[in-house]
Amino acid sequence: MNVEKLEEYIAAADVENLKALLAAEPELATAKTSQNVSPLMLSCYYHKPQITELLLKYADDTNMFEAAAAGKFDTVAHLLYTHPDRIDDHAEDGFTALGLACYFGRFEIARLLVLKGADVNLPSNNGFNVYPLHSAVAGNHTDIAEMLISNGANVNVKQTAGVTPLHSAAQNGNTELLIMLLEHGAEVNIRMEGGKLPADLAREKGFDEIAEILV
């Protein structure tokens, strides 16, 4: 199978060549990629929505993680109804459906998962220890971050290297998100591995006003 070409077309958002490839080899749509995720998930990680929509036409059995990442609300709702016990499962790449919905900005799906009992304080199990709040902040999704916190998410959780959500918000220069985290108890004096504070990361990126807020 032409998995290498498949990945090349996904990365380049080459819709026409991908259409031709899938027409000749439809089984490629569900093949495992070199990144150990499905082509559909790979298109989500590359942020190629046109490619995602094309691949969805070939995906007859979309799982919870793919649906959460791709924004397929009805599929997520159906899978939650039929398999409620799998709500906190981890995907092969280590993330929960909630974590993926948070990272990709799928607010309605994230809210549904939380309403159905998804654990807002369950990290990834891939060694990176990424919590849903980390994912929301990494994607600059203030609305999702606020929803998570309102439902009990710990604002000072640490992922790999001791990075807190406040570290990420400071580094991204997202003032709105940063202030919201502070209002909910985010600590400004937590140092990540290497000793850097959120203010240090903001200053390194040229966000001096944010650095001043955090001093």
C-alpha atoms as a PDB file:
ATOM      1  CA  MET A   1       0.000   0.000   0.000  1.00  0.00           C
ATOM      2  CA  ASN A   2       1.070   3.569  -0.693  1.00  0.00           C
ATOM      3  CA  VAL A   3       1.017   4.720   2.912  1.00  0.00           C
ATOM      4  CA  GLU A   4       3.945   7.039   2.290  1.00  0.00           C
ATOM      5  CA  LYS A   5       2.083   8.825  -0.495  1.00  0.00           C
ATOM      6  CA  LEU A   6      -1.028   8.951   1.642  1.00  0.00           C
ATOM      7  CA  GLU A   7       0.843  10.745   4.419  1.00  0.00           C
ATOM      8  CA  GLU A   8       2.478  13.080   1.921  1.00  0.00           C
ATOM      9  CA  TYR A   9      -0.887  14.113   0.475  1.00  0.00           C
ATOM     10  CA  ILE A  10      -2.395  14.593   3.939  1.00  0.00           C
ATOM     11  CA  ALA A  11       0.485  16.803   5.093  1.00  0.00           C
ATOM     12  CA  ALA A  12       0.314  18.900   1.920  1.00  0.00           C
ATOM     13  CA  ALA A  13      -3.515  19.068   1.942  1.00  0.00           C
ATOM     14  CA  ASP A  14      -3.392  17.716  -1.613  1.00  0.00           C
ATOM     15  CA  VAL A  15      -7.068  16.899  -1.978  1.00  0.00           C
ATOM     16  CA  GLU A  16      -7.062  15.920  -5.653  1.00  0.00           C
ATOM     17  CA  ASN A  17      -4.172  13.488  -5.445  1.00  0.00           C
ATOM     18  CA  LEU A  18      -5.562  12.008  -2.250  1.00  0.00           C
ATOM     19  CA  LYS A  19      -8.945  11.496  -3.925  1.00  0.00           C
ATOM     20  CA  ALA A  20      -7.269   9.641  -6.764  1.00  0.00           C
ATOM     21  CA  LEU A  21      -5.196   7.544  -4.381  1.00  0.00           C
ATOM     22  CA  LEU A  22      -8.184   6.567  -2.261  1.00  0.00           C
ATOM     23  CA  ALA A  23     -10.248   5.764  -5.349  1.00  0.00           C
ATOM     24  CA  ALA A  24      -7.556   3.287  -6.362  1.00  0.00           C
ATOM     25  CA  GLU A  25      -6.810   2.005  -2.851  1.00  0.00           C
ATOM     26  CA  PRO A  26      -9.758   2.775  -0.523  1.00  0.00           C
ATOM     27  CA  GLU A  27      -8.254   0.539   2.160  1.00  0.00           C
ATOM     28  CA  LEU A  28      -5.608   3.223   2.716  1.00  0.00           C
ATOM     29  CA  ALA A  29      -8.221   5.364   4.481  1.00  0.00           C
ATOM     30  CA  THR A  30      -8.059   3.057   7.483  1.00  0.00           C
ATOM     31  CA  ALA A  31      -4.403   2.003   7.288  1.00  0.00           C
ATOM     32  CA  LYS A  32      -2.036   2.682  10.178  1.00  0.00           C
ATOM     33  CA  THR A  33       0.302   5.592   9.440  1.00  0.00           C
ATOM     34  CA  SER A  34       3.951   5.920  10.439  1.00  0.00           C
ATOM     35  CA  GLN A  35       2.781   8.140  13.318  1.00  0.00           C
ATOM     36  CA  ASN A  36       0.846   5.172  14.754  1.00  0.00           C
ATOM     37  CA  VAL A  37      -2.502   6.920  14.220  1.00  0.00           C
ATOM     38  CA  SER A  38      -5.163   6.570  11.560  1.00  0.00           C
ATOM     39  CA  PRO A  39      -5.086   8.804   8.456  1.00  0.00           C
ATOM     40  CA  LEU A  40      -8.138  10.598   9.849  1.00  0.00           C
ATOM     41  CA  MET A  41      -6.386  11.399  13.118  1.00  0.00           C
ATOM     42  CA  LEU A  42      -3.265  12.431  11.218  1.00  0.00           C
ATOM     43  CA  SER A  43      -5.293  14.928   9.198  1.00  0.00           C
ATOM     44  CA  CYS A  44      -6.633  16.389  12.439  1.00  0.00           C
ATOM     45  CA  TYR A  45      -3.153  16.732  13.905  1.00  0.00           C
ATOM     46  CA  TYR A  46      -1.999  18.454  10.727  1.00  0.00           C
ATOM     47  CA  HIS A  47      -5.056  20.772  10.937  1.00  0.00           C
ATOM     48  CA  LYS A  48      -6.176  19.955   7.396  1.00  0.00           C
ATOM     49  CA  PRO A  49     -10.010  20.138   7.569  1.00  0.00           C
ATOM     50  CA  GLN A  50     -10.572  19.481   3.853  1.00  0.00           C
ATOM     51  CA  ILE A  51      -8.563  16.294   4.118  1.00  0.00           C
ATOM     52  CA  THR A  52     -10.444  15.309   7.257  1.00  0.00           C
ATOM     53  CA  GLU A  53     -13.790  15.686   5.481  1.00  0.00           C
ATOM     54  CA  LEU A  54     -12.560  13.598   2.565  1.00  0.00           C
ATOM     55  CA  LEU A  55     -11.294  10.818   4.803  1.00  0.00           C
ATOM     56  CA  LEU A  56     -14.558  10.778   6.751  1.00  0.00           C
ATOM     57  CA  LYS A  57     -16.294   9.647   3.552  1.00  0.00           C
ATOM     58  CA  TYR A  58     -14.188   6.487   3.684  1.00  0.00           C
ATOM     59  CA  ALA A  59     -14.403   5.927   7.424  1.00  0.00           C
ATOM     60  CA  ASP A  60     -17.378   3.657   8.088  1.00  0.00           C
ATOM     61  CA  ASP A  61     -16.370   2.850  11.646  1.00  0.00           C
ATOM     62  CA  THR A  62     -15.152   6.097  13.202  1.00  0.00           C
ATOM     63  CA  ASN A  63     -14.115   5.576  16.800  1.00  0.00           C
ATOM     64  CA  MET A  64     -14.675   7.895  19.746  1.00  0.00           C
ATOM     65  CA  PHE A  65     -11.238   9.496  19.505  1.00  0.00           C
ATOM     66  CA  GLU A  66     -11.459  10.207  15.780  1.00  0.00           C
ATOM     67  CA  ALA A  67     -14.969  11.589  16.146  1.00  0.00           C
ATOM     68  CA  ALA A  68     -13.956  13.846  19.041  1.00  0.00           C
ATOM     69  CA  ALA A  69     -10.973  15.200  17.123  1.00  0.00           C
ATOM     70  CA  ALA A  70     -12.882  15.669  13.867  1.00  0.00           C
ATOM     71  CA  GLY A  71     -15.863  17.362  15.499  1.00  0.00           C
ATOM     72  CA  LYS A  72     -18.468  14.682  14.747  1.00  0.00           C
ATOM     73  CA  PHE A  73     -20.876  15.405  17.596  1.00  0.00           C
ATOM     74  CA  ASP A  74     -23.558  12.879  16.616  1.00  0.00           C
ATOM     75  CA  THR A  75     -21.020  10.066  16.381  1.00  0.00           C
ATOM     76  CA  VAL A  76     -19.608  10.881  19.804  1.00  0.00           C
ATOM     77  CA  ALA A  77     -23.117  11.028  21.273  1.00  0.00           C
ATOM     78  CA  HIS A  78     -24.012   7.660  19.741  1.00  0.00           C
ATOM     79  CA  LEU A  79     -20.830   5.997  20.987  1.00  0.00           C
ATOM     80  CA  LEU A  80     -21.389   7.403  24.470  1.00  0.00           C
ATOM     81  CA  TYR A  81     -24.884   5.940  24.439  1.00  0.00           C
ATOM     82  CA  THR A  82     -23.767   2.508  23.266  1.00  0.00           C
ATOM     83  CA  HIS A  83     -20.499   2.316  25.223  1.00  0.00           C
ATOM     84  CA  PRO A  84     -20.749   4.653  28.245  1.00  0.00           C
ATOM     85  CA  ASP A  85     -18.091   2.636  30.080  1.00  0.00           C
ATOM     86  CA  ARG A  86     -15.449   3.700  27.534  1.00  0.00           C
ATOM     87  CA  ILE A  87     -15.747   7.426  28.129  1.00  0.00           C
ATOM     88  CA  ASP A  88     -12.340   7.655  29.846  1.00  0.00           C
ATOM     89  CA  ASP A  89     -10.487   5.229  27.587  1.00  0.00           C
ATOM     90  CA  HIS A  90      -7.180   6.285  26.055  1.00  0.00           C
ATOM     91  CA  ALA A  91      -6.466   6.240  22.329  1.00  0.00           C
ATOM     92  CA  GLU A  92      -3.428   4.436  20.937  1.00  0.00           C
ATOM     93  CA  ASP A  93      -1.502   7.714  21.065  1.00  0.00           C
ATOM     94  CA  GLY A  94      -2.391   8.104  24.728  1.00  0.00           C
ATOM     95  CA  PHE A  95      -5.056  10.806  24.770  1.00  0.00           C
ATOM     96  CA  THR A  96      -8.635  10.614  25.999  1.00  0.00           C
ATOM     97  CA  ALA A  97     -11.567  11.678  23.865  1.00  0.00           C
ATOM     98  CA  LEU A  98     -11.984  14.678  26.161  1.00  0.00           C
ATOM     99  CA  GLY A  99      -8.345  15.638  25.769  1.00  0.00           C
ATOM    100  CA  LEU A 100      -8.639  15.479  21.984  1.00  0.00           C
ATOM    101  CA  ALA A 101     -11.864  17.501  21.907  1.00  0.00           C
ATOM    102  CA  CYS A 102     -10.208  20.131  24.099  1.00  0.00           C
ATOM    103  CA  TYR A 103      -7.092  20.383  21.933  1.00  0.00           C
ATOM    104  CA  PHE A 104      -8.984  20.654  18.666  1.00  0.00           C
ATOM    105  CA  GLY A 105     -11.462  23.207  19.996  1.00  0.00           C
ATOM    106  CA  ARG A 106     -14.584  21.041  19.865  1.00  0.00           C
ATOM    107  CA  PHE A 107     -16.466  22.840  22.610  1.00  0.00           C
ATOM    108  CA  GLU A 108     -19.835  21.098  22.237  1.00  0.00           C
ATOM    109  CA  ILE A 109     -18.212  17.661  22.217  1.00  0.00           C
ATOM    110  CA  ALA A 110     -16.024  18.515  25.193  1.00  0.00           C
ATOM    111  CA  ARG A 111     -19.046  19.758  27.116  1.00  0.00           C
ATOM    112  CA  LEU A 112     -21.042  16.643  26.231  1.00  0.00           C
ATOM    113  CA  LEU A 113     -18.232  14.402  27.421  1.00  0.00           C
ATOM    114  CA  VAL A 114     -17.990  16.298  30.700  1.00  0.00           C
ATOM    115  CA  LEU A 115     -21.764  16.215  31.193  1.00  0.00           C
ATOM    116  CA  LYS A 116     -21.678  12.455  30.652  1.00  0.00           C
ATOM    117  CA  GLY A 117     -19.019  12.036  33.321  1.00  0.00           C
ATOM    118  CA  ALA A 118     -15.645  12.246  31.597  1.00  0.00           C
ATOM    119  CA  ASP A 119     -12.838  12.789  34.111  1.00  0.00           C
ATOM    120  CA  VAL A 120     -11.583  16.368  33.689  1.00  0.00           C
ATOM    121  CA  ASN A 121      -8.453  15.505  35.677  1.00  0.00           C
ATOM    122  CA  LEU A 122      -7.392  12.396  33.766  1.00  0.00           C
ATOM    123  CA  PRO A 123      -4.076  12.905  31.918  1.00  0.00           C
ATOM    124  CA  SER A 124      -2.759  11.198  28.819  1.00  0.00           C
ATOM    125  CA  ASN A 125      -0.999   7.895  29.435  1.00  0.00           C
ATOM    126  CA  ASN A 126       1.708   8.324  26.790  1.00  0.00           C
ATOM    127  CA  GLY A 127       4.405   9.649  29.085  1.00  0.00           C
ATOM    128  CA  PHE A 128       3.614  13.318  28.455  1.00  0.00           C
ATOM    129  CA  ASN A 129       1.043  13.535  31.269  1.00  0.00           C
ATOM    130  CA  VAL A 130      -1.106  16.013  29.335  1.00  0.00           C
ATOM    131  CA  TYR A 131      -4.369  16.906  31.085  1.00  0.00           C
ATOM    132  CA  PRO A 132      -7.485  18.136  29.244  1.00  0.00           C
ATOM    133  CA  LEU A 133      -6.827  21.647  30.577  1.00  0.00           C
ATOM    134  CA  HIS A 134      -3.309  21.558  29.122  1.00  0.00           C
ATOM    135  CA  SER A 135      -4.845  20.586  25.779  1.00  0.00           C
ATOM    136  CA  ALA A 136      -7.389  23.397  25.864  1.00  0.00           C
ATOM    137  CA  VAL A 137      -4.712  25.959  26.738  1.00  0.00           C
ATOM    138  CA  ALA A 138      -2.305  24.629  24.104  1.00  0.00           C
ATOM    139  CA  GLY A 139      -5.033  25.162  21.522  1.00  0.00           C
ATOM    140  CA  ASN A 140      -5.874  28.640  22.886  1.00  0.00           C
ATOM    141  CA  HIS A 141      -9.459  27.609  23.587  1.00  0.00           C
ATOM    142  CA  THR A 142     -10.452  29.867  26.470  1.00  0.00           C
ATOM    143  CA  ASP A 143     -14.104  28.795  26.434  1.00  0.00           C
ATOM    144  CA  ILE A 144     -13.199  25.126  26.821  1.00  0.00           C
ATOM    145  CA  ALA A 145     -10.649  25.871  29.532  1.00  0.00           C
ATOM    146  CA  GLU A 146     -13.270  27.805  31.488  1.00  0.00           C
ATOM    147  CA  MET A 147     -15.797  25.003  31.087  1.00  0.00           C
ATOM    148  CA  LEU A 148     -13.271  22.460  32.386  1.00  0.00           C
ATOM    149  CA  ILE A 149     -12.387  24.587  35.389  1.00  0.00           C
ATOM    150  CA  SER A 150     -16.077  25.131  36.161  1.00  0.00           C
ATOM    151  CA  ASN A 151     -16.384  21.359  36.275  1.00  0.00           C
ATOM    152  CA  GLY A 152     -13.506  20.767  38.662  1.00  0.00           C
ATOM    153  CA  ALA A 153     -10.343  20.809  36.549  1.00  0.00           C
ATOM    154  CA  ASN A 154      -7.237  21.515  38.623  1.00  0.00           C
ATOM    155  CA  VAL A 155      -5.618  24.701  37.260  1.00  0.00           C
ATOM    156  CA  ASN A 156      -2.135  23.845  38.543  1.00  0.00           C
ATOM    157  CA  VAL A 157      -1.675  20.382  37.047  1.00  0.00           C
ATOM    158  CA  LYS A 158       1.753  19.614  35.612  1.00  0.00           C
ATOM    159  CA  GLN A 159       2.590  17.835  32.396  1.00  0.00           C
ATOM    160  CA  THR A 160       6.034  16.650  31.308  1.00  0.00           C
ATOM    161  CA  ALA A 161       8.858  18.958  32.403  1.00  0.00           C
ATOM    162  CA  GLY A 162       6.611  20.498  35.057  1.00  0.00           C
ATOM    163  CA  VAL A 163       4.664  22.677  32.628  1.00  0.00           C
ATOM    164  CA  THR A 164       1.410  24.087  34.029  1.00  0.00           C
ATOM    165  CA  PRO A 165      -1.479  25.540  32.016  1.00  0.00           C
ATOM    166  CA  LEU A 166      -0.280  28.990  33.110  1.00  0.00           C
ATOM    167  CA  HIS A 167       3.151  28.328  31.577  1.00  0.00           C
ATOM    168  CA  SER A 168       1.504  27.525  28.249  1.00  0.00           C
ATOM    169  CA  ALA A 169      -0.879  30.484  28.330  1.00  0.00           C
ATOM    170  CA  ALA A 170       2.014  32.818  29.089  1.00  0.00           C
ATOM    171  CA  GLN A 171       4.098  31.379  26.286  1.00  0.00           C
ATOM    172  CA  ASN A 172       1.196  31.679  23.833  1.00  0.00           C
ATOM    173  CA  GLY A 173       0.540  35.303  24.762  1.00  0.00           C
ATOM    174  CA  ASN A 174      -3.142  34.676  25.424  1.00  0.00           C
ATOM    175  CA  THR A 175      -4.027  37.404  27.907  1.00  0.00           C
ATOM    176  CA  GLU A 176      -7.698  36.454  28.212  1.00  0.00           C
ATOM    177  CA  LEU A 177      -6.898  32.858  28.998  1.00  0.00           C
ATOM    178  CA  LEU A 178      -4.094  33.814  31.336  1.00  0.00           C
ATOM    179  CA  ILE A 179      -6.293  36.155  33.378  1.00  0.00           C
ATOM    180  CA  MET A 180      -9.013  33.520  33.562  1.00  0.00           C
ATOM    181  CA  LEU A 181      -6.511  31.000  34.925  1.00  0.00           C
ATOM    182  CA  LEU A 182      -5.271  33.502  37.490  1.00  0.00           C
ATOM    183  CA  GLU A 183      -8.822  34.261  38.600  1.00  0.00           C
ATOM    184  CA  HIS A 184      -9.300  30.562  39.287  1.00  0.00           C
ATOM    185  CA  GLY A 185      -6.188  30.135  41.397  1.00  0.00           C
ATOM    186  CA  ALA A 186      -3.338  29.475  38.964  1.00  0.00           C
ATOM    187  CA  GLU A 187      -0.041  29.931  40.799  1.00  0.00           C
ATOM    188  CA  VAL A 188       2.522  32.276  39.244  1.00  0.00           C
ATOM    189  CA  ASN A 189       5.503  30.921  41.181  1.00  0.00           C
ATOM    190  CA  ILE A 190       5.534  27.299  39.974  1.00  0.00           C
ATOM    191  CA  ARG A 191       8.798  26.563  38.207  1.00  0.00           C
ATOM    192  CA  MET A 192       9.049  24.033  35.417  1.00  0.00           C
ATOM    193  CA  GLU A 193      12.096  21.813  35.050  1.00  0.00           C
ATOM    194  CA  GLY A 194      15.037  24.126  34.449  1.00  0.00           C
ATOM    195  CA  GLY A 195      13.609  26.690  36.837  1.00  0.00           C
ATOM    196  CA  LYS A 196      11.528  28.850  34.506  1.00  0.00           C
ATOM    197  CA  LEU A 197       8.415  30.636  35.721  1.00  0.00           C
ATOM    198  CA  PRO A 198       5.440  31.501  33.488  1.00  0.00           C
ATOM    199  CA  ALA A 199       6.707  35.097  33.435  1.00  0.00           C
ATOM    200  CA  ASP A 200      10.055  33.919  32.066  1.00  0.00           C
ATOM    201  CA  LEU A 201       8.375  32.149  29.155  1.00  0.00           C
ATOM    202  CA  ALA A 202       6.253  35.199  28.363  1.00  0.00           C
ATOM    203  CA  ARG A 203       9.306  37.450  28.379  1.00  0.00           C
ATOM    204  CA  GLU A 204      11.232  35.075  26.092  1.00  0.00           C
ATOM    205  CA  LYS A 205       8.417  35.338  23.544  1.00  0.00           C
ATOM    206  CA  GLY A 206       8.311  39.118  23.756  1.00  0.00           C
ATOM    207  CA  PHE A 207       5.081  39.294  25.741  1.00  0.00           C
ATOM    208  CA  ASP A 208       6.401  41.840  28.224  1.00  0.00           C
ATOM    209  CA  GLU A 209       2.967  43.031  29.378  1.00  0.00           C
ATOM    210  CA  ILE A 210       1.997  39.475  30.259  1.00  0.00           C
ATOM    211  CA  ALA A 211       5.300  38.996  32.052  1.00  0.00           C
ATOM    212  CA  GLU A 212       4.520  42.056  34.157  1.00  0.00           C
ATOM    213  CA  ILE A 213       1.123  40.643  35.097  1.00  0.00           C
ATOM    214  CA  LEU A 214       2.816  37.478  36.308  1.00  0.00           C
ATOM    215  CA  VAL A 215       5.566  39.076  38.394  1.00  0.00           C
END
